[in-house]
Amino acid sequence: MESKTASIAFIRAVINRRVQLPEVYDAADLIASNAIKAHSSVIRTQGIALSMSFLLNYPLSNRRLKQHVNFFITNLSYEHPEGRQSAINAVKGVIEKFPQAYIEKEFQFLMVPISAHLCDDDKQCRASAKAALTALLGRLDAHSKEASIVGTMIRKWISSPSADLRRTGTGALAAAAEVEALPVKALGALITLVAKTLDHVRDEDWEEAYSALYAIEKVVTSGVGRPLACSEEAGLVWKLICGNIEKDGWLLHPHGWIRLISSRLLGHHLAGVGIPEDAITRPANTVFSPANDGIVREVLRTLCCQLEANQLSLKLAEQAVKNLLYLSSVVRLSPELGDVKEAGASVPKSAPAENSDEGEADAEDTEPGLNRGWRWLIRRLCGLSSRAGEASSLRRASGMKLITSIVQSCESRDLDGLGVPLVSIVFQVTEAHPVPETGFPGDDPDAVAAMPQVIEDLKGALIEKLGASEFFELSGSVRDRHSLRKVERKRKQKMLAVRNPEIKAKRRMKRNVQKKQKRKEETQKRILLKGKTRVSRGSFSLNRDNQSEF
């Protein structure tokens, strides 16, 4: 290792002085070989730097220059990932440091082999290939002939029957959008093509679907492609993401990454629409347009299902809350967009209520003039904020944050008839089913720590809108109803023991097994805290000094 380092230092000094000897040209070939095949990452990095210095500073014929570049291109398929990554970094050095004329002449020779490593390679190699391709496309003018050729190549890859080529095409599209290497017209056509391929890969390959959605996100968030978020070209994208009555969209895909990126894309689309007051005009090419009647109701249901899912993550919860907050404002301002009892419309399916208070006012919603969709959404959010269980703190905290924001932004008259389910949340999370200090099993520690402040914020918002006297009156009413239900439940259990003693006996046995298991776990914890290891009954236990006790 030390001898190689000394040799490289000597050759670096020679190349920096531009000593032109035949031996230097021969040494350059060895340096390039070491840049790929050396075991040490330091040697490989130094070899790449020396090779770039040699190619840039020494006189070379076109044939000799192409031989050197072709050496790195060939080794992109080297058997070991470290060597492939070094070859990609070397090609990236060529892309970044060679003259513009050379890049425009040889960009296809450089682009095709690099793009092949966007999907079918090691994780680090994929990241290096993406960086190299981004650097290459960044050197092209969006309105040049070369950019037109790039668009044609991406279109052919996305249209290919091969899944690997389609992923390569979407990866190249994401890189092109990031550096704005294509004009907006070409990006729009490619978005439409990607959406058509998405419609056929829903349950086949989640990686291909994620790559396609990621490319679309890069396009609609780029400077040149931002207008496409609410364009006719992207209309199919929003239909696939939001779904319809017969089929759930990508927002409820089984894979968490697909759910998250779909929710982010929906957020970009809503941001492109503008403020909620702009959405009620039902602009064309959006989820609010008359042509997409009914989608808003399905999106509300889908986003609530996201918050109720077991695989809820912090990022997904934050994005779902943002989307629901925007849509709740739109539905409050325009009741017809979220009317769940419109003729021919499906009533969004709601999870069972935590208590009967949340569903008692359903009959009142049949009266004309009420905003049924908005009231349904509030009750659905009240239900998911109240229900306790495993890994429920993030869901409950997200629901309460959303309800707090909704209450603060609406008028007091909008909450008429909703006081009981709203106040029930505070009762459920503070008295009926409070969060333990350590949280429920599977809970997010940050969500558990933030829960007290979230509860206080919700309580303060409700007191401000409902008034302190009405809030405490409703709290007492909810507490009394809960006590009455508890008494009624115990009475039914006693009646069950008389009517069907067999079921009562099975339940008692189940409770006894649970108590026995709990006592066993507590005993094991106490033994571990004392520093002893318990063995099976009838044997012996060992103390810390490994002395047996019979």
Protein backbone atom coordinates (compact mmCIF):
# COMPACT_ATOMS: atom_id res chain seq x y z
CA MET A 1 0.00 0.00 0.00
CA GLU A 2 2.76 2.47 0.96
CA SER A 3 4.76 1.65 -2.18
CA LYS A 4 1.70 2.23 -4.37
CA THR A 5 1.02 5.54 -2.63
CA ALA A 6 4.60 6.65 -3.19
CA SER A 7 4.45 5.61 -6.85
CA ILE A 8 1.21 7.53 -7.39
CA ALA A 9 2.72 10.60 -5.73
CA PHE A 10 5.72 10.41 -8.06
CA ILE A 11 3.53 10.00 -11.17
CA ARG A 12 1.33 12.89 -10.02
CA ALA A 13 4.37 15.13 -9.80
CA VAL A 14 5.48 14.08 -13.31
CA ILE A 15 2.01 14.66 -14.82
CA ASN A 16 1.66 18.03 -13.09
CA ARG A 17 4.95 19.11 -14.68
CA ARG A 18 3.64 17.77 -18.04
CA VAL A 19 6.74 15.73 -18.75
CA GLN A 20 6.19 14.21 -22.19
CA LEU A 21 7.89 10.83 -22.34
CA PRO A 22 6.67 7.52 -23.80
CA GLU A 23 6.93 6.01 -20.33
CA VAL A 24 4.38 8.53 -19.00
CA TYR A 25 1.82 7.38 -21.57
CA ASP A 26 2.46 3.76 -20.57
CA ALA A 27 2.12 4.67 -16.90
CA ALA A 28 -1.23 6.34 -17.62
CA ASP A 29 -2.62 2.98 -18.77
CA LEU A 30 -1.51 1.35 -15.51
CA ILE A 31 -2.99 4.18 -13.48
CA ALA A 32 -6.36 3.77 -15.23
CA SER A 33 -6.28 0.03 -14.55
CA ASN A 34 -5.54 0.61 -10.85
CA ALA A 35 -8.43 3.10 -10.71
CA ILE A 36 -10.77 0.18 -11.43
CA LYS A 37 -9.10 -2.91 -9.97
CA ALA A 38 -7.30 -1.65 -6.84
CA HIS A 39 -8.66 -2.94 -3.53
CA SER A 40 -8.06 0.35 -1.73
CA SER A 41 -10.65 3.07 -2.27
CA VAL A 42 -7.92 5.69 -1.79
CA ILE A 43 -5.87 4.21 -4.65
CA ARG A 44 -8.96 4.09 -6.89
CA THR A 45 -9.86 7.71 -6.14
CA GLN A 46 -6.30 8.92 -6.75
CA GLY A 47 -6.14 6.87 -9.95
CA ILE A 48 -9.28 8.53 -11.31
CA ALA A 49 -7.93 12.00 -10.50
CA LEU A 50 -4.58 11.24 -12.20
CA SER A 51 -6.33 9.80 -15.28
CA MET A 52 -8.47 12.94 -15.63
CA SER A 53 -5.39 15.15 -15.26
CA PHE A 54 -3.56 13.14 -17.93
CA LEU A 55 -6.46 13.23 -20.41
CA LEU A 56 -6.95 16.98 -19.98
CA ASN A 57 -3.31 18.14 -20.03
CA TYR A 58 -1.46 15.80 -22.40
CA PRO A 59 -1.66 15.91 -26.20
CA LEU A 60 -3.68 12.91 -27.43
CA SER A 61 -4.98 11.91 -30.82
CA ASN A 62 -8.70 11.34 -31.21
CA ARG A 63 -8.07 7.61 -31.43
CA ARG A 64 -5.96 7.51 -28.25
CA LEU A 65 -8.47 9.71 -26.38
CA LYS A 66 -11.33 7.44 -27.39
CA GLN A 67 -9.35 4.40 -26.22
CA HIS A 68 -8.95 5.90 -22.75
CA VAL A 69 -12.63 6.90 -22.44
CA ASN A 70 -13.74 3.57 -23.88
CA PHE A 71 -11.68 1.80 -21.20
CA PHE A 72 -13.85 3.34 -18.47
CA ILE A 73 -17.05 2.76 -20.46
CA THR A 74 -16.15 -0.93 -20.87
CA ASN A 75 -15.46 -1.31 -17.15
CA LEU A 76 -18.93 -0.08 -16.27
CA SER A 77 -19.74 -3.82 -16.40
CA TYR A 78 -16.81 -4.79 -14.12
CA GLU A 79 -17.58 -7.82 -11.96
CA HIS A 80 -17.18 -6.08 -8.58
CA PRO A 81 -19.42 -3.13 -7.59
CA GLU A 82 -16.48 -1.08 -6.27
CA GLY A 83 -14.83 -1.23 -9.69
CA ARG A 84 -18.08 -0.34 -11.44
CA GLN A 85 -18.57 2.65 -9.18
CA SER A 86 -15.03 3.85 -9.91
CA ALA A 87 -15.68 3.51 -13.65
CA ILE A 88 -18.91 5.53 -13.30
CA ASN A 89 -17.07 8.24 -11.35
CA ALA A 90 -14.39 8.34 -14.04
CA VAL A 91 -17.03 8.78 -16.77
CA LYS A 92 -18.62 11.50 -14.64
CA GLY A 93 -15.22 13.24 -14.52
CA VAL A 94 -15.09 13.12 -18.32
CA ILE A 95 -18.59 14.60 -18.52
CA GLU A 96 -17.85 17.44 -16.11
CA LYS A 97 -14.36 18.44 -17.34
CA PHE A 98 -14.24 17.78 -21.09
CA PRO A 99 -15.08 20.55 -23.59
CA GLN A 100 -18.68 21.20 -24.61
CA ALA A 101 -18.00 20.24 -28.21
CA TYR A 102 -16.80 16.78 -27.16
CA ILE A 103 -19.88 16.25 -24.93
CA GLU A 104 -22.33 17.21 -27.69
CA LYS A 105 -20.57 14.90 -30.13
CA GLU A 106 -20.29 11.86 -27.86
CA PHE A 107 -23.33 12.26 -25.55
CA GLN A 108 -25.09 9.13 -26.88
CA PHE A 109 -21.88 7.14 -26.45
CA LEU A 110 -21.82 8.30 -22.82
CA MET A 111 -25.54 8.32 -21.99
CA VAL A 112 -26.60 4.80 -23.00
CA PRO A 113 -24.13 2.79 -20.87
CA ILE A 114 -24.63 5.06 -17.85
CA SER A 115 -28.42 4.79 -18.07
CA ALA A 116 -28.18 1.00 -17.99
CA HIS A 117 -27.00 1.24 -14.37
CA LEU A 118 -29.94 3.34 -13.15
CA CYS A 119 -32.00 0.30 -12.11
CA ASP A 120 -30.04 -2.94 -12.45
CA ASP A 121 -27.04 -2.48 -10.15
CA ASP A 122 -25.83 -1.99 -6.59
CA LYS A 123 -27.40 0.85 -4.58
CA GLN A 124 -24.26 3.00 -4.57
CA CYS A 125 -23.67 2.36 -8.27
CA ARG A 126 -27.23 3.45 -9.04
CA ALA A 127 -26.72 6.67 -7.13
CA SER A 128 -23.41 7.34 -8.93
CA ALA A 129 -25.00 6.57 -12.31
CA LYS A 130 -27.84 8.99 -11.59
CA ALA A 131 -25.36 11.72 -10.64
CA ALA A 132 -23.34 11.11 -13.81
CA LEU A 133 -26.45 11.14 -16.04
CA THR A 134 -27.71 14.32 -14.36
CA ALA A 135 -24.34 15.97 -15.02
CA LEU A 136 -24.44 14.88 -18.69
CA LEU A 137 -27.99 16.10 -19.31
CA GLY A 138 -27.22 19.32 -17.49
CA ARG A 139 -24.70 20.21 -20.18
CA LEU A 140 -27.29 20.01 -22.97
CA ASP A 141 -29.53 22.86 -24.10
CA ALA A 142 -33.23 22.01 -23.69
CA HIS A 143 -34.00 23.25 -27.23
CA SER A 144 -31.01 21.71 -28.98
CA LYS A 145 -30.90 18.79 -31.37
CA GLU A 146 -29.22 16.67 -28.71
CA ALA A 147 -32.09 17.27 -26.26
CA SER A 148 -34.56 16.14 -28.91
CA ILE A 149 -32.59 12.92 -29.33
CA VAL A 150 -32.62 12.42 -25.54
CA GLY A 151 -36.41 12.77 -25.51
CA THR A 152 -36.73 10.21 -28.29
CA MET A 153 -34.50 7.74 -26.44
CA ILE A 154 -36.47 8.13 -23.20
CA ARG A 155 -39.75 7.67 -25.07
CA LYS A 156 -38.52 4.41 -26.62
CA TRP A 157 -37.33 3.09 -23.28
CA ILE A 158 -40.62 3.87 -21.52
CA SER A 159 -42.60 2.24 -24.34
CA SER A 160 -40.47 -0.92 -24.22
CA PRO A 161 -42.06 -4.26 -23.21
CA SER A 162 -39.08 -4.83 -20.90
CA ALA A 163 -39.61 -3.75 -17.29
CA ASP A 164 -35.89 -2.95 -16.86
CA LEU A 165 -35.91 -0.65 -19.89
CA ARG A 166 -39.05 1.09 -18.63
CA ARG A 167 -37.35 1.73 -15.28
CA THR A 168 -34.30 3.00 -17.15
CA GLY A 169 -36.53 5.38 -19.10
CA THR A 170 -38.27 6.75 -16.01
CA GLY A 171 -34.91 7.17 -14.27
CA ALA A 172 -33.58 9.11 -17.24
CA LEU A 173 -36.75 11.21 -17.30
CA ALA A 174 -36.28 12.10 -13.62
CA ALA A 175 -32.68 13.16 -14.29
CA ALA A 176 -33.72 15.21 -17.33
CA ALA A 177 -36.47 16.97 -15.37
CA GLU A 178 -34.13 17.74 -12.49
CA VAL A 179 -31.76 19.73 -14.73
CA GLU A 180 -34.54 20.95 -17.10
CA ALA A 181 -32.90 19.28 -20.08
CA LEU A 182 -36.19 18.90 -22.00
CA PRO A 183 -38.83 21.47 -23.04
CA VAL A 184 -42.22 21.49 -21.34
CA LYS A 185 -43.99 20.03 -24.39
CA ALA A 186 -41.73 16.96 -24.40
CA LEU A 187 -42.14 16.55 -20.64
CA GLY A 188 -45.92 16.63 -20.96
CA ALA A 189 -45.93 13.93 -23.64
CA LEU A 190 -43.63 11.76 -21.52
CA ILE A 191 -45.85 12.17 -18.44
CA THR A 192 -48.84 10.90 -20.42
CA LEU A 193 -46.80 7.93 -21.62
CA VAL A 194 -45.62 7.10 -18.10
CA ALA A 195 -49.20 7.28 -16.79
CA LYS A 196 -50.34 4.78 -19.40
CA THR A 197 -47.62 2.33 -18.36
CA LEU A 198 -48.56 2.85 -14.69
CA ASP A 199 -52.08 1.65 -15.41
CA HIS A 200 -50.70 -1.81 -16.23
CA VAL A 201 -48.15 -2.39 -13.44
CA ARG A 202 -50.23 -1.80 -10.30
CA ASP A 203 -49.69 -5.22 -8.72
CA GLU A 204 -46.77 -6.49 -10.79
CA ASP A 205 -43.66 -4.56 -9.74
CA TRP A 206 -43.75 -1.92 -7.03
CA GLU A 207 -40.20 -0.78 -7.89
CA GLU A 208 -41.22 0.07 -11.44
CA ALA A 209 -44.30 1.90 -10.16
CA TYR A 210 -42.22 3.87 -7.66
CA SER A 211 -39.68 4.79 -10.34
CA ALA A 212 -42.48 6.06 -12.60
CA LEU A 213 -44.14 8.08 -9.84
CA TYR A 214 -40.78 9.50 -8.79
CA ALA A 215 -40.14 10.65 -12.37
CA ILE A 216 -43.56 12.33 -12.49
CA GLU A 217 -42.83 14.08 -9.19
CA LYS A 218 -39.52 15.37 -10.51
CA VAL A 219 -41.27 16.71 -13.62
CA VAL A 220 -44.11 18.54 -11.83
CA THR A 221 -41.73 20.06 -9.25
CA SER A 222 -39.15 21.27 -11.77
CA GLY A 223 -39.16 24.88 -12.86
CA VAL A 224 -40.15 24.18 -16.45
CA GLY A 225 -42.62 21.38 -15.64
CA ARG A 226 -44.54 22.97 -12.74
CA PRO A 227 -47.48 24.04 -14.98
CA LEU A 228 -48.01 20.36 -15.84
CA ALA A 229 -49.35 19.70 -12.31
CA CYS A 230 -52.77 20.94 -13.51
CA SER A 231 -52.59 20.13 -17.21
CA GLU A 232 -54.45 17.83 -19.54
CA GLU A 233 -51.31 15.72 -20.00
CA ALA A 234 -51.29 14.78 -16.30
CA GLY A 235 -55.04 14.12 -16.03
CA LEU A 236 -54.62 10.34 -16.11
CA VAL A 237 -52.00 10.54 -13.34
CA TRP A 238 -54.45 12.04 -10.83
CA LYS A 239 -57.15 9.54 -11.74
CA LEU A 240 -54.76 6.66 -11.09
CA ILE A 241 -53.54 8.16 -7.82
CA CYS A 242 -56.97 9.06 -6.45
CA GLY A 243 -58.86 6.00 -7.71
CA ASN A 244 -62.62 5.72 -8.09
CA ILE A 245 -65.63 3.97 -6.61
CA GLU A 246 -64.78 0.58 -8.11
CA LYS A 247 -61.01 0.57 -7.57
CA ASP A 248 -58.68 2.12 -5.02
CA GLY A 249 -55.91 4.35 -6.34
CA TRP A 250 -52.20 4.42 -5.66
CA LEU A 251 -52.88 6.23 -2.37
CA LEU A 252 -53.85 2.84 -0.90
CA HIS A 253 -51.16 0.73 -2.54
CA PRO A 254 -49.89 -2.06 -0.24
CA HIS A 255 -46.32 -0.68 -0.30
CA GLY A 256 -45.63 2.28 2.00
CA TRP A 257 -43.27 4.05 -0.42
CA ILE A 258 -45.96 4.09 -3.12
CA ARG A 259 -48.49 5.54 -0.66
CA LEU A 260 -46.08 8.27 0.41
CA ILE A 261 -45.02 9.40 -3.06
CA SER A 262 -48.65 9.28 -4.27
CA SER A 263 -49.68 11.46 -1.34
CA ARG A 264 -46.85 13.89 -2.15
CA LEU A 265 -47.95 14.03 -5.78
CA LEU A 266 -51.49 14.81 -4.68
CA GLY A 267 -50.06 17.62 -2.54
CA HIS A 268 -48.19 19.05 -5.53
CA HIS A 269 -51.41 18.91 -7.55
CA LEU A 270 -53.39 20.75 -4.85
CA ALA A 271 -50.61 23.35 -4.59
CA GLY A 272 -50.88 23.86 -8.35
CA VAL A 273 -54.61 24.55 -8.02
CA GLY A 274 -53.99 27.42 -5.60
CA ILE A 275 -55.84 28.44 -2.47
CA PRO A 276 -59.11 26.63 -1.55
CA GLU A 277 -61.14 29.59 -2.84
CA ASP A 278 -59.70 28.91 -6.31
CA ALA A 279 -60.63 25.22 -6.11
CA ILE A 280 -64.36 25.90 -5.62
CA THR A 281 -64.48 27.40 -9.13
CA ARG A 282 -63.82 23.81 -10.27
CA PRO A 283 -60.95 24.56 -12.68
CA ALA A 284 -60.40 22.21 -15.60
CA ASN A 285 -57.77 19.43 -15.53
CA THR A 286 -57.95 19.12 -11.74
CA VAL A 287 -59.58 16.71 -9.30
CA PHE A 288 -62.21 19.42 -8.74
CA SER A 289 -63.32 19.71 -12.38
CA PRO A 290 -66.88 18.63 -13.28
CA ALA A 291 -65.43 15.82 -15.40
CA ASN A 292 -63.99 14.27 -12.22
CA ASP A 293 -67.17 14.47 -10.18
CA GLY A 294 -66.99 12.13 -7.21
CA ILE A 295 -63.19 11.94 -6.97
CA VAL A 296 -63.04 14.37 -4.03
CA ARG A 297 -65.27 12.10 -1.97
CA GLU A 298 -63.08 9.10 -2.74
CA VAL A 299 -59.91 11.06 -1.93
CA LEU A 300 -61.32 12.04 1.47
CA ARG A 301 -62.10 8.42 2.23
CA THR A 302 -58.70 7.26 0.97
CA LEU A 303 -56.71 9.79 3.00
CA CYS A 304 -58.61 8.80 6.15
CA CYS A 305 -57.77 5.17 5.39
CA GLN A 306 -54.11 6.18 5.12
CA LEU A 307 -54.20 7.57 8.65
CA GLU A 308 -55.95 4.44 9.93
CA ALA A 309 -53.50 2.00 8.31
CA ASN A 310 -51.10 -0.08 10.40
CA GLN A 311 -48.13 0.93 8.22
CA LEU A 312 -48.54 4.64 8.94
CA SER A 313 -45.22 6.50 9.01
CA LEU A 314 -44.46 9.99 10.27
CA LYS A 315 -43.86 11.41 6.77
CA LEU A 316 -47.04 9.82 5.40
CA ALA A 317 -49.07 11.12 8.36
CA GLU A 318 -47.78 14.67 7.86
CA GLN A 319 -48.54 14.63 4.13
CA ALA A 320 -52.01 13.12 4.64
CA VAL A 321 -52.81 15.81 7.22
CA LYS A 322 -51.74 18.56 4.77
CA ASN A 323 -53.91 17.12 2.00
CA LEU A 324 -56.92 16.63 4.28
CA LEU A 325 -56.63 20.15 5.66
CA TYR A 326 -56.75 21.61 2.14
CA LEU A 327 -59.63 19.37 1.03
CA SER A 328 -61.61 20.02 4.20
CA SER A 329 -61.49 23.76 3.45
CA VAL A 330 -62.64 23.13 -0.12
CA VAL A 331 -65.52 20.88 0.97
CA ARG A 332 -66.57 23.38 3.65
CA LEU A 333 -66.70 26.17 1.06
CA SER A 334 -68.30 24.03 -1.67
CA PRO A 335 -70.67 21.40 -0.16
CA GLU A 336 -71.52 19.81 -3.51
CA LEU A 337 -67.91 18.60 -3.94
CA GLY A 338 -68.09 16.43 -0.84
CA ASP A 339 -71.80 15.60 -0.63
CA VAL A 340 -71.77 11.93 0.36
CA LYS A 341 -75.50 11.40 -0.30
CA GLU A 342 -75.71 12.80 -3.78
CA ALA A 343 -77.70 10.84 -6.30
CA GLY A 344 -75.56 8.06 -7.73
CA ALA A 345 -72.67 8.74 -5.36
CA SER A 346 -71.12 6.24 -3.03
CA VAL A 347 -71.13 6.93 0.67
CA PRO A 348 -67.52 6.71 1.86
CA LYS A 349 -67.06 3.76 4.14
CA SER A 350 -66.24 4.74 7.69
CA ALA A 351 -64.64 2.68 10.39
CA PRO A 352 -66.82 1.82 13.42
CA ALA A 353 -67.24 4.68 15.83
CA GLU A 354 -65.51 4.53 19.19
CA ASN A 355 -68.75 5.38 20.95
CA SER A 356 -72.29 6.11 20.02
CA ASP A 357 -71.86 9.85 20.42
CA GLU A 358 -70.07 10.00 17.10
CA GLY A 359 -73.01 8.63 15.16
CA GLU A 360 -76.01 10.02 16.99
CA ALA A 361 -76.35 13.04 14.74
CA ASP A 362 -76.43 11.06 11.47
CA ALA A 363 -80.16 11.49 11.24
CA GLU A 364 -79.78 15.25 11.47
CA ASP A 365 -77.54 15.28 8.39
CA THR A 366 -80.49 14.27 6.19
CA GLU A 367 -81.97 17.73 6.64
CA PRO A 368 -81.57 20.02 3.62
CA GLY A 369 -78.97 22.75 3.76
CA LEU A 370 -76.42 20.81 5.79
CA ASN A 371 -72.90 20.22 4.50
CA ARG A 372 -73.06 16.42 4.75
CA GLY A 373 -69.61 15.72 3.29
CA TRP A 374 -67.82 18.08 5.64
CA ARG A 375 -69.72 16.80 8.69
CA TRP A 376 -68.97 13.20 7.69
CA LEU A 377 -65.27 14.08 7.47
CA ILE A 378 -65.27 15.66 10.95
CA ARG A 379 -66.92 12.57 12.46
CA ARG A 380 -64.51 10.25 10.66
CA LEU A 381 -61.57 12.24 12.01
CA CYS A 382 -63.10 12.19 15.48
CA GLY A 383 -63.33 8.42 15.30
CA LEU A 384 -59.73 7.82 14.22
CA SER A 385 -58.50 10.32 16.83
CA SER A 386 -60.36 8.58 19.65
CA ARG A 387 -59.68 4.90 19.03
CA ALA A 388 -56.83 3.44 21.09
CA GLY A 389 -54.76 0.35 20.32
CA GLU A 390 -51.35 -0.81 19.25
CA ALA A 391 -49.24 1.83 17.47
CA SER A 392 -52.15 4.29 17.68
CA SER A 393 -50.46 7.39 19.12
CA LEU A 394 -49.24 8.68 15.73
CA ARG A 395 -52.70 8.25 14.22
CA ARG A 396 -54.42 9.89 17.18
CA ALA A 397 -51.93 12.78 17.33
CA SER A 398 -52.22 13.37 13.56
CA GLY A 399 -56.02 13.36 13.72
CA MET A 400 -56.09 15.79 16.63
CA LYS A 401 -53.63 18.15 14.94
CA LEU A 402 -55.80 18.14 11.83
CA ILE A 403 -59.01 18.73 13.79
CA THR A 404 -57.34 21.56 15.71
CA SER A 405 -56.38 23.30 12.46
CA ILE A 406 -59.87 22.75 11.01
CA VAL A 407 -61.59 24.13 14.11
CA GLN A 408 -59.33 27.18 14.17
CA SER A 409 -60.01 27.97 10.48
CA CYS A 410 -63.80 27.52 10.44
CA GLU A 411 -66.66 29.55 11.87
CA SER A 412 -68.54 28.66 15.03
CA ARG A 413 -71.73 28.00 13.06
CA ASP A 414 -69.92 25.32 11.04
CA LEU A 415 -69.59 23.26 14.24
CA ASP A 416 -73.33 23.19 15.03
CA GLY A 417 -74.26 19.63 15.93
CA LEU A 418 -70.63 18.49 16.04
CA GLY A 419 -69.82 19.50 19.61
CA VAL A 420 -70.40 16.06 21.13
CA PRO A 421 -68.03 14.08 18.82
CA LEU A 422 -65.40 16.82 19.07
CA VAL A 423 -65.48 16.99 22.86
CA SER A 424 -65.54 13.17 22.96
CA ILE A 425 -61.99 13.16 21.57
CA VAL A 426 -60.67 15.03 24.61
CA PHE A 427 -62.52 12.66 26.94
CA GLN A 428 -61.28 9.53 25.15
CA VAL A 429 -57.60 10.53 25.11
CA THR A 430 -57.53 11.93 28.65
CA GLU A 431 -59.90 9.73 30.66
CA ALA A 432 -61.38 6.74 28.82
CA HIS A 433 -58.31 5.55 26.86
CA PRO A 434 -55.31 7.73 27.78
CA VAL A 435 -51.89 7.08 26.32
CA PRO A 436 -49.54 5.35 28.82
CA GLU A 437 -46.31 7.10 29.71
CA THR A 438 -44.35 4.64 27.58
CA GLY A 439 -47.02 4.56 24.88
CA PHE A 440 -48.91 1.63 23.42
CA PRO A 441 -46.96 -1.28 21.89
CA GLY A 442 -45.41 -0.18 18.59
CA ASP A 443 -45.96 3.53 19.25
CA ASP A 444 -43.69 6.21 17.86
CA PRO A 445 -41.81 7.80 20.84
CA ASP A 446 -42.03 11.30 19.32
CA ALA A 447 -45.79 10.98 18.89
CA VAL A 448 -46.17 9.84 22.51
CA ALA A 449 -44.06 12.77 23.76
CA ALA A 450 -46.07 15.29 21.70
CA MET A 451 -49.47 13.95 22.76
CA PRO A 452 -49.99 16.19 25.87
CA GLN A 453 -49.34 19.38 23.91
CA VAL A 454 -51.58 18.21 21.05
CA ILE A 455 -54.41 17.55 23.50
CA GLU A 456 -54.00 20.99 25.07
CA ASP A 457 -54.04 22.67 21.64
CA LEU A 458 -57.25 20.86 20.67
CA LYS A 459 -58.88 21.67 23.99
CA GLY A 460 -57.96 25.35 23.66
CA ALA A 461 -59.32 25.53 20.10
CA LEU A 462 -62.63 23.93 21.13
CA ILE A 463 -63.04 26.27 24.12
CA GLU A 464 -62.38 29.26 21.85
CA LYS A 465 -64.96 28.21 19.24
CA LEU A 466 -67.64 26.60 21.41
CA GLY A 467 -67.22 28.75 24.49
CA ALA A 468 -66.00 27.59 27.88
CA SER A 469 -69.47 26.99 29.35
CA GLU A 470 -70.67 24.88 26.40
CA PHE A 471 -67.41 22.94 26.28
CA PHE A 472 -67.56 21.91 29.95
CA GLU A 473 -71.28 21.20 29.69
CA LEU A 474 -70.65 18.88 26.75
CA SER A 475 -67.72 17.29 28.61
CA GLY A 476 -70.00 16.46 31.55
CA SER A 477 -72.62 15.07 29.18
CA VAL A 478 -70.07 12.85 27.42
CA ARG A 479 -68.71 11.63 30.77
CA ASP A 480 -72.22 10.77 32.00
CA ARG A 481 -73.04 8.88 28.80
CA HIS A 482 -69.81 6.94 29.08
CA SER A 483 -70.65 5.96 32.67
CA LEU A 484 -74.17 4.88 31.66
CA ARG A 485 -72.79 2.74 28.82
CA LYS A 486 -70.30 1.16 31.23
CA VAL A 487 -73.11 0.26 33.65
CA GLU A 488 -75.24 -1.09 30.81
CA ARG A 489 -72.32 -3.15 29.52
CA LYS A 490 -71.80 -4.75 32.94
CA ARG A 491 -75.52 -5.48 33.23
CA LYS A 492 -75.46 -7.25 29.85
CA GLN A 493 -72.47 -9.31 30.96
CA LYS A 494 -74.35 -10.48 34.03
CA MET A 495 -77.38 -11.32 31.91
CA LEU A 496 -75.14 -13.24 29.53
CA ALA A 497 -73.93 -15.46 32.39
CA VAL A 498 -77.54 -16.42 33.04
CA ARG A 499 -78.67 -16.84 29.44
CA ASN A 500 -75.53 -18.52 28.05
CA PRO A 501 -73.16 -19.76 30.76
CA GLU A 502 -70.94 -21.57 28.22
CA ILE A 503 -69.88 -18.32 26.51
CA LYS A 504 -69.36 -16.70 29.90
CA ALA A 505 -67.12 -19.60 30.97
CA LYS A 506 -65.00 -19.33 27.82
CA ARG A 507 -64.50 -15.62 28.37
CA ARG A 508 -63.52 -16.21 32.00
CA MET A 509 -60.97 -18.82 30.95
CA LYS A 510 -59.51 -16.45 28.39
CA ARG A 511 -59.17 -13.69 30.98
CA ASN A 512 -57.52 -16.07 33.42
CA VAL A 513 -54.96 -17.11 30.78
CA GLN A 514 -54.20 -13.46 30.05
CA LYS A 515 -53.78 -12.67 33.77
CA LYS A 516 -51.50 -15.67 34.23
CA GLN A 517 -49.35 -14.62 31.30
CA LYS A 518 -49.16 -11.06 32.60
CA ARG A 519 -48.12 -12.22 36.09
CA LYS A 520 -45.46 -14.44 34.52
CA GLU A 521 -44.02 -11.54 32.53
CA GLU A 522 -43.98 -9.29 35.59
CA THR A 523 -42.20 -11.99 37.61
CA GLN A 524 -39.56 -12.42 34.91
CA LYS A 525 -38.97 -8.66 34.86
CA ARG A 526 -38.50 -8.56 38.64
CA ILE A 527 -36.03 -11.47 38.48
CA LEU A 528 -34.00 -9.75 35.76
CA LEU A 529 -33.93 -6.51 37.76
CA LYS A 530 -32.49 -8.42 40.74
CA GLY A 531 -29.73 -9.84 38.53
CA LYS A 532 -30.87 -13.46 38.53
CA THR A 533 -31.73 -15.79 35.69
CA ARG A 534 -34.70 -18.02 36.31
CA VAL A 535 -34.66 -21.60 35.04
CA SER A 536 -37.62 -23.94 34.74
CA ARG A 537 -39.46 -25.10 37.87
CA GLY A 538 -37.82 -28.00 39.71
CA SER A 539 -34.34 -26.97 38.62
CA PHE A 540 -32.09 -24.37 40.16
CA SER A 541 -31.28 -20.72 39.55
CA LEU A 542 -27.92 -19.05 39.10
CA ASN A 543 -26.92 -15.80 40.74
CA ARG A 544 -24.36 -13.35 39.44
CA ASP A 545 -21.46 -15.32 40.93
CA ASN A 546 -22.61 -18.44 39.05
CA GLN A 547 -23.06 -20.24 42.40
CA SER A 548 -25.79 -22.83 42.32
CA GLU A 549 -28.65 -22.60 44.78
CA PHE A 550 -30.43 -25.91 45.35
